[in-house]
C-alpha atoms as a PDB file:
ATOM      1  CA  MET A   1       4.841 -12.542 -45.865  1.00  0.00           C
ATOM      2  CA  LYS A   2       4.327 -15.551 -43.613  1.00  0.00           C
ATOM      3  CA  LEU A   3       7.818 -16.818 -44.434  1.00  0.00           C
ATOM      4  CA  GLU A   4       9.272 -13.340 -43.997  1.00  0.00           C
ATOM      5  CA  ALA A   5       7.813 -13.245 -40.483  1.00  0.00           C
ATOM      6  CA  LEU A   6       9.755 -16.416 -39.643  1.00  0.00           C
ATOM      7  CA  VAL A   7      13.140 -14.809 -40.303  1.00  0.00           C
ATOM      8  CA  TRP A   8      15.192 -14.172 -37.185  1.00  0.00           C
ATOM      9  CA  ARG A   9      18.592 -14.456 -38.815  1.00  0.00           C
ATOM     10  CA  THR A  10      19.525 -14.243 -42.466  1.00  0.00           C
ATOM     11  CA  ALA A  11      22.173 -16.222 -44.272  1.00  0.00           C
ATOM     12  CA  ILE A  12      23.688 -15.799 -47.708  1.00  0.00           C
ATOM     13  CA  LEU A  13      24.251 -18.680 -50.091  1.00  0.00           C
ATOM     14  CA  GLU A  14      27.457 -17.370 -51.686  1.00  0.00           C
ATOM     15  CA  ALA A  15      26.863 -19.138 -54.998  1.00  0.00           C
ATOM     16  CA  GLY A  16      23.116 -18.622 -54.772  1.00  0.00           C
ATOM     17  CA  TRP A  17      22.709 -16.499 -57.871  1.00  0.00           C
ATOM     18  CA  THR A  18      24.171 -15.785 -61.266  1.00  0.00           C
ATOM     19  CA  ILE A  19      24.197 -12.688 -63.419  1.00  0.00           C
ATOM     20  CA  ASP A  20      24.573 -13.235 -67.135  1.00  0.00           C
ATOM     21  CA  GLY A  21      24.076 -10.470 -69.667  1.00  0.00           C
ATOM     22  CA  GLY A  22      22.559  -8.274 -66.986  1.00  0.00           C
ATOM     23  CA  VAL A  23      19.962 -10.906 -66.084  1.00  0.00           C
ATOM     24  CA  LEU A  24      19.763 -12.035 -62.466  1.00  0.00           C
ATOM     25  CA  SER A  25      18.973 -15.713 -61.872  1.00  0.00           C
ATOM     26  CA  LEU A  26      18.221 -17.210 -58.471  1.00  0.00           C
ATOM     27  CA  ARG A  27      18.160 -20.799 -59.765  1.00  0.00           C
ATOM     28  CA  PRO A  28      21.034 -21.937 -57.518  1.00  0.00           C
ATOM     29  CA  LEU A  29      19.178 -20.570 -54.488  1.00  0.00           C
ATOM     30  CA  PHE A  30      15.935 -22.256 -55.483  1.00  0.00           C
ATOM     31  CA  ALA A  31      17.771 -25.545 -56.010  1.00  0.00           C
ATOM     32  CA  ARG A  32      19.055 -25.318 -52.437  1.00  0.00           C
ATOM     33  CA  LEU A  33      15.655 -24.372 -51.046  1.00  0.00           C
ATOM     34  CA  ILE A  34      13.944 -27.452 -52.467  1.00  0.00           C
ATOM     35  CA  ALA A  35      16.436 -29.753 -50.766  1.00  0.00           C
ATOM     36  CA  ASP A  36      14.839 -31.983 -48.161  1.00  0.00           C
ATOM     37  CA  ASP A  37      17.168 -30.990 -45.333  1.00  0.00           C
ATOM     38  CA  ILE A  38      16.129 -27.346 -44.966  1.00  0.00           C
ATOM     39  CA  ASP A  39      13.219 -26.236 -42.786  1.00  0.00           C
ATOM     40  CA  ALA A  40      10.896 -23.266 -43.295  1.00  0.00           C
ATOM     41  CA  VAL A  41      12.719 -20.979 -40.852  1.00  0.00           C
ATOM     42  CA  GLY A  42      16.157 -21.748 -42.284  1.00  0.00           C
ATOM     43  CA  GLY A  43      14.821 -21.504 -45.822  1.00  0.00           C
ATOM     44  CA  ALA A  44      13.195 -18.144 -45.172  1.00  0.00           C
ATOM     45  CA  GLY A  45      16.408 -16.727 -43.718  1.00  0.00           C
ATOM     46  CA  LEU A  46      18.453 -18.127 -46.574  1.00  0.00           C
ATOM     47  CA  PHE A  47      16.044 -16.822 -49.207  1.00  0.00           C
ATOM     48  CA  HIS A  48      15.815 -13.289 -47.840  1.00  0.00           C
ATOM     49  CA  GLY A  49      19.526 -12.934 -47.124  1.00  0.00           C
ATOM     50  CA  THR A  50      20.580 -14.323 -50.493  1.00  0.00           C
ATOM     51  CA  PHE A  51      17.959 -12.333 -52.400  1.00  0.00           C
ATOM     52  CA  ALA A  52      19.135  -9.085 -50.777  1.00  0.00           C
ATOM     53  CA  ALA A  53      22.805  -9.865 -51.517  1.00  0.00           C
ATOM     54  CA  ALA A  54      21.965 -10.803 -55.107  1.00  0.00           C
ATOM     55  CA  CYS A  55      20.089  -7.541 -55.624  1.00  0.00           C
ATOM     56  CA  VAL A  56      23.016  -5.510 -54.275  1.00  0.00           C
ATOM     57  CA  ASP A  57      25.436  -7.372 -56.556  1.00  0.00           C
ATOM     58  CA  TRP A  58      23.133  -6.941 -59.567  1.00  0.00           C
ATOM     59  CA  VAL A  59      22.670  -3.209 -59.032  1.00  0.00           C
ATOM     60  CA  ALA A  60      26.383  -2.645 -58.350  1.00  0.00           C
ATOM     61  CA  ARG A  61      27.386  -4.483 -61.531  1.00  0.00           C
ATOM     62  CA  SER A  62      24.792  -2.581 -63.550  1.00  0.00           C
ATOM     63  CA  ALA A  63      26.044   0.717 -62.156  1.00  0.00           C
ATOM     64  CA  ARG A  64      29.635  -0.127 -63.090  1.00  0.00           C
ATOM     65  CA  THR A  65      28.612  -1.306 -66.554  1.00  0.00           C
ATOM     66  CA  THR A  66      26.541   1.791 -67.337  1.00  0.00           C
ATOM     67  CA  GLY A  67      28.684   4.311 -65.470  1.00  0.00           C
ATOM     68  CA  VAL A  68      25.745   5.363 -63.317  1.00  0.00           C
ATOM     69  CA  ASN A  69      26.661   6.551 -59.829  1.00  0.00           C
ATOM     70  CA  THR A  70      25.071   8.486 -57.007  1.00  0.00           C
ATOM     71  CA  SER A  71      27.395  11.499 -57.232  1.00  0.00           C
ATOM     72  CA  PHE A  72      25.878  14.845 -58.064  1.00  0.00           C
END
């Protein structure tokens, strides 16, 4: 939560995740976050923005694959 409190602006690492066989991997994001040239504030914004985008992508793909939708 300390890193979350640092976030003023989020960013999305476009290639920051993969989805293979319905499994979400954030390895590309983590590889970027351990780079020496990113500070805690930038890293927190990048993590939270990318994680949110990855979750949306993952859920959307799963919904399409299974045919689940929000219509009643």
